[in-house]
Amino acid sequence: MITRIVRMEFMEDKTQTFEEIFQNSRELIRARQGCSYLSLHQDEDNKQVYYTISRWDSPADLEAYRQSELFKTTWAATKILFSAKPIAYSLAPLQELG
């Protein structure tokens, strides 16, 4: 399993646009093969900063999504709203407590 965390900072007047993009694509992303979890979070101290957290059965499933038309069109619409470069992490679990 792999957990993907993406930190994105948006222009102040573009956060609503991003939330609409996420709303429109979240079910499609979640339905991708290998995606077992997807959530959107907003930073408590900086309302322009958002995080997506997703879990994938394998790195190959995540990569297949990243190469998909869904990702390409969603990312193209999202990245023009950024005020800073996004930061992404792909994490493999070492220990989990249920």
PDB file of N, CA and C in Angstrom:
ATOM      1  N   MET A   1       0.838  -1.173   0.000  1.00  0.00           N
ATOM      2  CA  MET A   1       0.000   0.000   0.000  1.00  0.00           C
ATOM      3  C   MET A   1       0.887   1.241   0.000  1.00  0.00           C
ATOM      4  N   ILE A   2       0.367   2.320  -0.572  1.00  0.00           N
ATOM      5  CA  ILE A   2       1.075   3.591  -0.610  1.00  0.00           C
ATOM      6  C   ILE A   2       0.085   4.710  -0.269  1.00  0.00           C
ATOM      7  N   THR A   3       0.535   5.639   0.553  1.00  0.00           N
ATOM      8  CA  THR A   3      -0.265   6.818   0.878  1.00  0.00           C
ATOM      9  C   THR A   3       0.361   8.002   0.159  1.00  0.00           C
ATOM     10  N   ARG A   4      -0.471   8.743  -0.530  1.00  0.00           N
ATOM     11  CA  ARG A   4      -0.014   9.918  -1.278  1.00  0.00           C
ATOM     12  C   ARG A   4      -0.592  11.154  -0.609  1.00  0.00           C
ATOM     13  N   ILE A   5       0.296  12.064  -0.217  1.00  0.00           N
ATOM     14  CA  ILE A   5      -0.111  13.341   0.366  1.00  0.00           C
ATOM     15  C   ILE A   5       0.398  14.442  -0.545  1.00  0.00           C
ATOM     16  N   VAL A   6      -0.504  15.317  -0.955  1.00  0.00           N
ATOM     17  CA  VAL A   6      -0.131  16.437  -1.816  1.00  0.00           C
ATOM     18  C   VAL A   6      -0.538  17.727  -1.120  1.00  0.00           C
ATOM     19  N   ARG A   7       0.442  18.603  -0.903  1.00  0.00           N
ATOM     20  CA  ARG A   7       0.203  19.922  -0.315  1.00  0.00           C
ATOM     21  C   ARG A   7       0.119  20.934  -1.446  1.00  0.00           C
ATOM     22  N   MET A   8      -0.972  21.704  -1.448  1.00  0.00           N
ATOM     23  CA  MET A   8      -1.189  22.701  -2.503  1.00  0.00           C
ATOM     24  C   MET A   8      -1.574  24.033  -1.873  1.00  0.00           C
ATOM     25  N   GLU A   9      -0.948  25.088  -2.354  1.00  0.00           N
ATOM     26  CA  GLU A   9      -1.279  26.435  -1.885  1.00  0.00           C
ATOM     27  C   GLU A   9      -1.846  27.217  -3.060  1.00  0.00           C
ATOM     28  N   PHE A  10      -3.002  27.812  -2.828  1.00  0.00           N
ATOM     29  CA  PHE A  10      -3.736  28.476  -3.900  1.00  0.00           C
ATOM     30  C   PHE A  10      -3.774  29.990  -3.716  1.00  0.00           C
ATOM     31  N   MET A  11      -3.949  30.680  -4.826  1.00  0.00           N
ATOM     32  CA  MET A  11      -4.209  32.104  -4.753  1.00  0.00           C
ATOM     33  C   MET A  11      -5.492  32.295  -3.940  1.00  0.00           C
ATOM     34  N   GLU A  12      -5.526  33.351  -3.162  1.00  0.00           N
ATOM     35  CA  GLU A  12      -6.629  33.563  -2.233  1.00  0.00           C
ATOM     36  C   GLU A  12      -7.997  33.513  -2.901  1.00  0.00           C
ATOM     37  N   ASP A  13      -8.099  34.071  -4.094  1.00  0.00           N
ATOM     38  CA  ASP A  13      -9.400  34.127  -4.768  1.00  0.00           C
ATOM     39  C   ASP A  13      -9.689  32.875  -5.604  1.00  0.00           C
ATOM     40  N   LYS A  14      -8.853  31.841  -5.494  1.00  0.00           N
ATOM     41  CA  LYS A  14      -9.027  30.628  -6.303  1.00  0.00           C
ATOM     42  C   LYS A  14      -9.380  29.394  -5.478  1.00  0.00           C
ATOM     43  N   THR A  15      -9.514  29.529  -4.170  1.00  0.00           N
ATOM     44  CA  THR A  15      -9.784  28.353  -3.349  1.00  0.00           C
ATOM     45  C   THR A  15     -11.150  27.750  -3.665  1.00  0.00           C
ATOM     46  N   GLN A  16     -12.143  28.574  -3.883  1.00  0.00           N
ATOM     47  CA  GLN A  16     -13.478  28.054  -4.205  1.00  0.00           C
ATOM     48  C   GLN A  16     -13.457  27.291  -5.530  1.00  0.00           C
ATOM     49  N   THR A  17     -12.717  27.813  -6.495  1.00  0.00           N
ATOM     50  CA  THR A  17     -12.591  27.128  -7.780  1.00  0.00           C
ATOM     51  C   THR A  17     -11.967  25.752  -7.588  1.00  0.00           C
ATOM     52  N   PHE A  18     -10.906  25.682  -6.763  1.00  0.00           N
ATOM     53  CA  PHE A  18     -10.287  24.383  -6.509  1.00  0.00           C
ATOM     54  C   PHE A  18     -11.265  23.428  -5.832  1.00  0.00           C
ATOM     55  N   GLU A  19     -12.001  23.914  -4.848  1.00  0.00           N
ATOM     56  CA  GLU A  19     -12.954  23.038  -4.159  1.00  0.00           C
ATOM     57  C   GLU A  19     -13.998  22.491  -5.129  1.00  0.00           C
ATOM     58  N   GLU A  20     -14.398  23.282  -6.101  1.00  0.00           N
ATOM     59  CA  GLU A  20     -15.345  22.815  -7.121  1.00  0.00           C
ATOM     60  C   GLU A  20     -14.713  21.752  -8.018  1.00  0.00           C
ATOM     61  N   ILE A  21     -13.459  21.954  -8.397  1.00  0.00           N
ATOM     62  CA  ILE A  21     -12.749  20.956  -9.205  1.00  0.00           C
ATOM     63  C   ILE A  21     -12.674  19.641  -8.442  1.00  0.00           C
ATOM     64  N   PHE A  22     -12.307  19.713  -7.168  1.00  0.00           N
ATOM     65  CA  PHE A  22     -12.206  18.495  -6.369  1.00  0.00           C
ATOM     66  C   PHE A  22     -13.572  17.821  -6.235  1.00  0.00           C
ATOM     67  N   GLN A  23     -14.590  18.610  -5.974  1.00  0.00           N
ATOM     68  CA  GLN A  23     -15.949  18.071  -5.844  1.00  0.00           C
ATOM     69  C   GLN A  23     -16.360  17.315  -7.107  1.00  0.00           C
ATOM     70  N   ASN A  24     -16.019  17.859  -8.259  1.00  0.00           N
ATOM     71  CA  ASN A  24     -16.404  17.253  -9.533  1.00  0.00           C
ATOM     72  C   ASN A  24     -15.574  16.020  -9.911  1.00  0.00           C
ATOM     73  N   SER A  25     -14.392  15.883  -9.342  1.00  0.00           N
ATOM     74  CA  SER A  25     -13.520  14.775  -9.740  1.00  0.00           C
ATOM     75  C   SER A  25     -13.321  13.726  -8.654  1.00  0.00           C
ATOM     76  N   ARG A  26     -13.718  13.993  -7.437  1.00  0.00           N
ATOM     77  CA  ARG A  26     -13.392  13.098  -6.321  1.00  0.00           C
ATOM     78  C   ARG A  26     -13.939  11.682  -6.493  1.00  0.00           C
ATOM     79  N   GLU A  27     -15.175  11.547  -6.943  1.00  0.00           N
ATOM     80  CA  GLU A  27     -15.755  10.208  -7.106  1.00  0.00           C
ATOM     81  C   GLU A  27     -15.052   9.438  -8.226  1.00  0.00           C
ATOM     82  N   LEU A  28     -14.652  10.150  -9.273  1.00  0.00           N
ATOM     83  CA  LEU A  28     -13.931   9.507 -10.376  1.00  0.00           C
ATOM     84  C   LEU A  28     -12.542   9.045  -9.939  1.00  0.00           C
ATOM     85  N   ILE A  29     -11.886   9.879  -9.144  1.00  0.00           N
ATOM     86  CA  ILE A  29     -10.566   9.500  -8.630  1.00  0.00           C
ATOM     87  C   ILE A  29     -10.708   8.289  -7.704  1.00  0.00           C
ATOM     88  N   ARG A  30     -11.663   8.374  -6.800  1.00  0.00           N
ATOM     89  CA  ARG A  30     -11.871   7.287  -5.828  1.00  0.00           C
ATOM     90  C   ARG A  30     -12.227   5.967  -6.518  1.00  0.00           C
ATOM     91  N   ALA A  31     -12.863   6.059  -7.675  1.00  0.00           N
ATOM     92  CA  ALA A  31     -13.257   4.857  -8.413  1.00  0.00           C
ATOM     93  C   ALA A  31     -12.101   4.244  -9.213  1.00  0.00           C
ATOM     94  N   ARG A  32     -10.979   4.909  -9.263  1.00  0.00           N
ATOM     95  CA  ARG A  32      -9.836   4.364 -10.006  1.00  0.00           C
ATOM     96  C   ARG A  32      -9.372   3.058  -9.383  1.00  0.00           C
ATOM     97  N   GLN A  33      -8.928   2.160 -10.232  1.00  0.00           N
ATOM     98  CA  GLN A  33      -8.410   0.882  -9.747  1.00  0.00           C
ATOM     99  C   GLN A  33      -7.281   1.127  -8.757  1.00  0.00           C
ATOM    100  N   GLY A  34      -7.382   0.500  -7.607  1.00  0.00           N
ATOM    101  CA  GLY A  34      -6.327   0.594  -6.607  1.00  0.00           C
ATOM    102  C   GLY A  34      -6.481   1.719  -5.614  1.00  0.00           C
ATOM    103  N   CYS A  35      -7.408   2.638  -5.816  1.00  0.00           N
ATOM    104  CA  CYS A  35      -7.606   3.737  -4.868  1.00  0.00           C
ATOM    105  C   CYS A  35      -8.589   3.282  -3.795  1.00  0.00           C
ATOM    106  N   SER A  36      -8.118   3.195  -2.565  1.00  0.00           N
ATOM    107  CA  SER A  36      -8.966   2.722  -1.471  1.00  0.00           C
ATOM    108  C   SER A  36      -9.414   3.839  -0.537  1.00  0.00           C
ATOM    109  N   TYR A  37      -8.884   5.043  -0.734  1.00  0.00           N
ATOM    110  CA  TYR A  37      -9.219   6.160   0.166  1.00  0.00           C
ATOM    111  C   TYR A  37      -8.850   7.467  -0.510  1.00  0.00           C
ATOM    112  N   LEU A  38      -9.671   8.499  -0.277  1.00  0.00           N
ATOM    113  CA  LEU A  38      -9.383   9.837  -0.792  1.00  0.00           C
ATOM    114  C   LEU A  38     -10.029  10.850   0.134  1.00  0.00           C
ATOM    115  N   SER A  39      -9.260  11.868   0.541  1.00  0.00           N
ATOM    116  CA  SER A  39      -9.822  12.938   1.360  1.00  0.00           C
ATOM    117  C   SER A  39      -9.154  14.265   1.029  1.00  0.00           C
ATOM    118  N   LEU A  40      -9.867  15.336   1.358  1.00  0.00           N
ATOM    119  CA  LEU A  40      -9.370  16.701   1.163  1.00  0.00           C
ATOM    120  C   LEU A  40      -9.358  17.385   2.520  1.00  0.00           C
ATOM    121  N   HIS A  41      -8.260  18.079   2.811  1.00  0.00           N
ATOM    122  CA  HIS A  41      -8.101  18.775   4.090  1.00  0.00           C
ATOM    123  C   HIS A  41      -7.666  20.215   3.828  1.00  0.00           C
ATOM    124  N   GLN A  42      -8.047  21.098   4.744  1.00  0.00           N
ATOM    125  CA  GLN A  42      -7.638  22.498   4.654  1.00  0.00           C
ATOM    126  C   GLN A  42      -6.832  22.836   5.904  1.00  0.00           C
ATOM    127  N   ASP A  43      -5.740  23.551   5.714  1.00  0.00           N
ATOM    128  CA  ASP A  43      -4.889  23.953   6.822  1.00  0.00           C
ATOM    129  C   ASP A  43      -5.666  24.867   7.769  1.00  0.00           C
ATOM    130  N   GLU A  44      -5.567  24.618   9.047  1.00  0.00           N
ATOM    131  CA  GLU A  44      -6.280  25.426  10.044  1.00  0.00           C
ATOM    132  C   GLU A  44      -5.749  26.855  10.128  1.00  0.00           C
ATOM    133  N   ASP A  45      -4.461  27.042   9.890  1.00  0.00           N
ATOM    134  CA  ASP A  45      -3.848  28.358  10.052  1.00  0.00           C
ATOM    135  C   ASP A  45      -3.742  29.153   8.760  1.00  0.00           C
ATOM    136  N   ASN A  46      -3.731  28.470   7.629  1.00  0.00           N
ATOM    137  CA  ASN A  46      -3.616  29.146   6.341  1.00  0.00           C
ATOM    138  C   ASN A  46      -4.668  28.543   5.419  1.00  0.00           C
ATOM    139  N   LYS A  47      -5.770  29.235   5.265  1.00  0.00           N
ATOM    140  CA  LYS A  47      -6.921  28.706   4.528  1.00  0.00           C
ATOM    141  C   LYS A  47      -6.671  28.575   3.027  1.00  0.00           C
ATOM    142  N   GLN A  48      -5.527  29.025   2.554  1.00  0.00           N
ATOM    143  CA  GLN A  48      -5.168  28.869   1.148  1.00  0.00           C
ATOM    144  C   GLN A  48      -4.418  27.561   0.891  1.00  0.00           C
ATOM    145  N   VAL A  49      -4.109  26.830   1.950  1.00  0.00           N
ATOM    146  CA  VAL A  49      -3.340  25.595   1.839  1.00  0.00           C
ATOM    147  C   VAL A  49      -4.280  24.402   2.035  1.00  0.00           C
ATOM    148  N   TYR A  50      -4.213  23.491   1.078  1.00  0.00           N
ATOM    149  CA  TYR A  50      -5.023  22.274   1.094  1.00  0.00           C
ATOM    150  C   TYR A  50      -4.104  21.065   0.958  1.00  0.00           C
ATOM    151  N   TYR A  51      -4.603  19.940   1.448  1.00  0.00           N
ATOM    152  CA  TYR A  51      -3.900  18.668   1.307  1.00  0.00           C
ATOM    153  C   TYR A  51      -4.885  17.638   0.769  1.00  0.00           C
ATOM    154  N   THR A  52      -4.435  16.846  -0.172  1.00  0.00           N
ATOM    155  CA  THR A  52      -5.189  15.652  -0.527  1.00  0.00           C
ATOM    156  C   THR A  52      -4.413  14.461   0.021  1.00  0.00           C
ATOM    157  N   ILE A  53      -5.166  13.505   0.531  1.00  0.00           N
ATOM    158  CA  ILE A  53      -4.582  12.273   1.033  1.00  0.00           C
ATOM    159  C   ILE A  53      -5.291  11.138   0.318  1.00  0.00           C
ATOM    160  N   SER A  54      -4.514  10.286  -0.306  1.00  0.00           N
ATOM    161  CA  SER A  54      -5.098   9.130  -0.982  1.00  0.00           C
ATOM    162  C   SER A  54      -4.275   7.895  -0.651  1.00  0.00           C
ATOM    163  N   ARG A  55      -4.956   6.760  -0.682  1.00  0.00           N
ATOM    164  CA  ARG A  55      -4.275   5.480  -0.460  1.00  0.00           C
ATOM    165  C   ARG A  55      -4.473   4.618  -1.692  1.00  0.00           C
ATOM    166  N   TRP A  56      -3.382   3.986  -2.084  1.00  0.00           N
ATOM    167  CA  TRP A  56      -3.353   3.174  -3.296  1.00  0.00           C
ATOM    168  C   TRP A  56      -2.820   1.796  -2.956  1.00  0.00           C
ATOM    169  N   ASP A  57      -3.358   0.794  -3.608  1.00  0.00           N
ATOM    170  CA  ASP A  57      -2.924  -0.577  -3.355  1.00  0.00           C
ATOM    171  C   ASP A  57      -1.453  -0.783  -3.696  1.00  0.00           C
ATOM    172  N   SER A  58      -0.962  -0.051  -4.694  1.00  0.00           N
ATOM    173  CA  SER A  58       0.436  -0.211  -5.107  1.00  0.00           C
ATOM    174  C   SER A  58       0.928   1.068  -5.780  1.00  0.00           C
ATOM    175  N   PRO A  59       2.240   1.253  -5.842  1.00  0.00           N
ATOM    176  CA  PRO A  59       2.783   2.381  -6.603  1.00  0.00           C
ATOM    177  C   PRO A  59       2.341   2.345  -8.064  1.00  0.00           C
ATOM    178  N   ALA A  60       2.169   1.153  -8.621  1.00  0.00           N
ATOM    179  CA  ALA A  60       1.735   1.032 -10.022  1.00  0.00           C
ATOM    180  C   ALA A  60       0.319   1.581 -10.208  1.00  0.00           C
ATOM    181  N   ASP A  61      -0.555   1.359  -9.232  1.00  0.00           N
ATOM    182  CA  ASP A  61      -1.915   1.916  -9.318  1.00  0.00           C
ATOM    183  C   ASP A  61      -1.880   3.441  -9.286  1.00  0.00           C
ATOM    184  N   LEU A  62      -1.068   4.004  -8.401  1.00  0.00           N
ATOM    185  CA  LEU A  62      -0.925   5.459  -8.348  1.00  0.00           C
ATOM    186  C   LEU A  62      -0.376   5.991  -9.668  1.00  0.00           C
ATOM    187  N   GLU A  63       0.629   5.333 -10.197  1.00  0.00           N
ATOM    188  CA  GLU A  63       1.233   5.784 -11.459  1.00  0.00           C
ATOM    189  C   GLU A  63       0.247   5.672 -12.612  1.00  0.00           C
ATOM    190  N   ALA A  64      -0.555   4.625 -12.631  1.00  0.00           N
ATOM    191  CA  ALA A  64      -1.573   4.489 -13.685  1.00  0.00           C
ATOM    192  C   ALA A  64      -2.559   5.653 -13.622  1.00  0.00           C
ATOM    193  N   TYR A  65      -2.941   6.044 -12.412  1.00  0.00           N
ATOM    194  CA  TYR A  65      -3.809   7.217 -12.262  1.00  0.00           C
ATOM    195  C   TYR A  65      -3.098   8.473 -12.754  1.00  0.00           C
ATOM    196  N   ARG A  66      -1.846   8.655 -12.381  1.00  0.00           N
ATOM    197  CA  ARG A  66      -1.100   9.856 -12.769  1.00  0.00           C
ATOM    198  C   ARG A  66      -0.908   9.955 -14.286  1.00  0.00           C
ATOM    199  N   GLN A  67      -0.970   8.828 -14.982  1.00  0.00           N
ATOM    200  CA  GLN A  67      -0.847   8.818 -16.443  1.00  0.00           C
ATOM    201  C   GLN A  67      -2.210   8.895 -17.139  1.00  0.00           C
ATOM    202  N   SER A  68      -3.277   8.890 -16.371  1.00  0.00           N
ATOM    203  CA  SER A  68      -4.622   8.861 -16.951  1.00  0.00           C
ATOM    204  C   SER A  68      -5.068  10.231 -17.458  1.00  0.00           C
ATOM    205  N   GLU A  69      -6.038  10.209 -18.342  1.00  0.00           N
ATOM    206  CA  GLU A  69      -6.626  11.452 -18.845  1.00  0.00           C
ATOM    207  C   GLU A  69      -7.312  12.215 -17.716  1.00  0.00           C
ATOM    208  N   LEU A  70      -7.925  11.503 -16.787  1.00  0.00           N
ATOM    209  CA  LEU A  70      -8.573  12.140 -15.636  1.00  0.00           C
ATOM    210  C   LEU A  70      -7.578  12.984 -14.858  1.00  0.00           C
ATOM    211  N   PHE A  71      -6.425  12.420 -14.543  1.00  0.00           N
ATOM    212  CA  PHE A  71      -5.409  13.181 -13.818  1.00  0.00           C
ATOM    213  C   PHE A  71      -4.931  14.367 -14.640  1.00  0.00           C
ATOM    214  N   LYS A  72      -4.635  14.139 -15.901  1.00  0.00           N
ATOM    215  CA  LYS A  72      -4.087  15.211 -16.739  1.00  0.00           C
ATOM    216  C   LYS A  72      -5.038  16.396 -16.835  1.00  0.00           C
ATOM    217  N   THR A  73      -6.322  16.148 -17.026  1.00  0.00           N
ATOM    218  CA  THR A  73      -7.273  17.262 -17.148  1.00  0.00           C
ATOM    219  C   THR A  73      -7.530  17.925 -15.791  1.00  0.00           C
ATOM    220  N   THR A  74      -7.621  17.121 -14.739  1.00  0.00           N
ATOM    221  CA  THR A  74      -7.842  17.687 -13.398  1.00  0.00           C
ATOM    222  C   THR A  74      -6.638  18.509 -12.960  1.00  0.00           C
ATOM    223  N   TRP A  75      -5.455  17.974 -13.179  1.00  0.00           N
ATOM    224  CA  TRP A  75      -4.230  18.684 -12.775  1.00  0.00           C
ATOM    225  C   TRP A  75      -4.046  19.961 -13.597  1.00  0.00           C
ATOM    226  N   ALA A  76      -4.349  19.928 -14.871  1.00  0.00           N
ATOM    227  CA  ALA A  76      -4.226  21.126 -15.711  1.00  0.00           C
ATOM    228  C   ALA A  76      -5.133  22.241 -15.195  1.00  0.00           C
ATOM    229  N   ALA A  77      -6.344  21.894 -14.784  1.00  0.00           N
ATOM    230  CA  ALA A  77      -7.282  22.896 -14.266  1.00  0.00           C
ATOM    231  C   ALA A  77      -6.865  23.383 -12.881  1.00  0.00           C
ATOM    232  N   THR A  78      -6.199  22.530 -12.124  1.00  0.00           N
ATOM    233  CA  THR A  78      -5.804  22.864 -10.754  1.00  0.00           C
ATOM    234  C   THR A  78      -4.530  23.690 -10.699  1.00  0.00           C
ATOM    235  N   LYS A  79      -3.534  23.307 -11.464  1.00  0.00           N
ATOM    236  CA  LYS A  79      -2.214  23.932 -11.305  1.00  0.00           C
ATOM    237  C   LYS A  79      -2.192  25.417 -11.675  1.00  0.00           C
ATOM    238  N   ILE A  80      -3.111  25.877 -12.478  1.00  0.00           N
ATOM    239  CA  ILE A  80      -3.137  27.306 -12.816  1.00  0.00           C
ATOM    240  C   ILE A  80      -3.658  28.151 -11.646  1.00  0.00           C
ATOM    241  N   LEU A  81      -4.144  27.515 -10.612  1.00  0.00           N
ATOM    242  CA  LEU A  81      -4.683  28.209  -9.439  1.00  0.00           C
ATOM    243  C   LEU A  81      -3.661  28.355  -8.315  1.00  0.00           C
ATOM    244  N   PHE A  82      -2.486  27.710  -8.454  1.00  0.00           N
ATOM    245  CA  PHE A  82      -1.487  27.689  -7.385  1.00  0.00           C
ATOM    246  C   PHE A  82      -0.838  29.056  -7.171  1.00  0.00           C
ATOM    247  N   SER A  83      -0.509  29.313  -5.899  1.00  0.00           N
ATOM    248  CA  SER A  83       0.317  30.479  -5.567  1.00  0.00           C
ATOM    249  C   SER A  83       1.730  30.039  -5.180  1.00  0.00           C
ATOM    250  N   ALA A  84       1.933  28.739  -5.041  1.00  0.00           N
ATOM    251  CA  ALA A  84       3.251  28.176  -4.717  1.00  0.00           C
ATOM    252  C   ALA A  84       3.323  26.779  -5.331  1.00  0.00           C
ATOM    253  N   LYS A  85       4.533  26.302  -5.489  1.00  0.00           N
ATOM    254  CA  LYS A  85       4.732  24.972  -6.055  1.00  0.00           C
ATOM    255  C   LYS A  85       4.177  23.903  -5.106  1.00  0.00           C
ATOM    256  N   PRO A  86       3.416  22.952  -5.637  1.00  0.00           N
ATOM    257  CA  PRO A  86       2.895  21.890  -4.772  1.00  0.00           C
ATOM    258  C   PRO A  86       4.017  20.953  -4.315  1.00  0.00           C
ATOM    259  N   ILE A  87       3.757  20.282  -3.205  1.00  0.00           N
ATOM    260  CA  ILE A  87       4.705  19.316  -2.659  1.00  0.00           C
ATOM    261  C   ILE A  87       3.960  17.999  -2.503  1.00  0.00           C
ATOM    262  N   ALA A  88       4.540  16.922  -3.024  1.00  0.00           N
ATOM    263  CA  ALA A  88       3.889  15.614  -2.952  1.00  0.00           C
ATOM    264  C   ALA A  88       4.802  14.608  -2.262  1.00  0.00           C
ATOM    265  N   TYR A  89       4.174  13.758  -1.466  1.00  0.00           N
ATOM    266  CA  TYR A  89       4.876  12.692  -0.761  1.00  0.00           C
ATOM    267  C   TYR A  89       4.190  11.371  -1.066  1.00  0.00           C
ATOM    268  N   SER A  90       4.966  10.340  -1.319  1.00  0.00           N
ATOM    269  CA  SER A  90       4.463   8.985  -1.439  1.00  0.00           C
ATOM    270  C   SER A  90       5.068   8.176  -0.300  1.00  0.00           C
ATOM    271  N   LEU A  91       4.207   7.658   0.560  1.00  0.00           N
ATOM    272  CA  LEU A  91       4.657   7.025   1.798  1.00  0.00           C
ATOM    273  C   LEU A  91       4.246   5.560   1.841  1.00  0.00           C
ATOM    274  N   ALA A  92       5.182   4.730   2.230  1.00  0.00           N
ATOM    275  CA  ALA A  92       4.909   3.308   2.457  1.00  0.00           C
ATOM    276  C   ALA A  92       4.812   3.082   3.956  1.00  0.00           C
ATOM    277  N   PRO A  93       3.786   2.393   4.425  1.00  0.00           N
ATOM    278  CA  PRO A  93       3.639   2.201   5.882  1.00  0.00           C
ATOM    279  C   PRO A  93       4.708   1.264   6.432  1.00  0.00           C
ATOM    280  N   LEU A  94       5.204   1.616   7.602  1.00  0.00           N
ATOM    281  CA  LEU A  94       6.120   0.739   8.325  1.00  0.00           C
ATOM    282  C   LEU A  94       5.398   0.069   9.489  1.00  0.00           C
ATOM    283  N   GLN A  95       4.565   0.852  10.156  1.00  0.00           N
ATOM    284  CA  GLN A  95       3.785   0.340  11.274  1.00  0.00           C
ATOM    285  C   GLN A  95       2.436   1.046  11.287  1.00  0.00           C
ATOM    286  N   GLU A  96       1.391   0.318  11.590  1.00  0.00           N
ATOM    287  CA  GLU A  96       0.066   0.922  11.685  1.00  0.00           C
ATOM    288  C   GLU A  96      -0.632   0.359  12.914  1.00  0.00           C
ATOM    289  N   LEU A  97      -1.368   1.234  13.570  1.00  0.00           N
ATOM    290  CA  LEU A  97      -2.224   0.824  14.660  1.00  0.00           C
ATOM    291  C   LEU A  97      -3.646   1.073  14.220  1.00  0.00           C
ATOM    292  N   GLY A  98      -4.469   0.044  14.212  1.00  0.00           N
ATOM    293  CA  GLY A  98      -5.820   0.145  13.708  1.00  0.00           C
ATOM    294  C   GLY A  98      -6.810   0.820  14.556  1.00  0.00           C
TER     295      GLY A  98
END
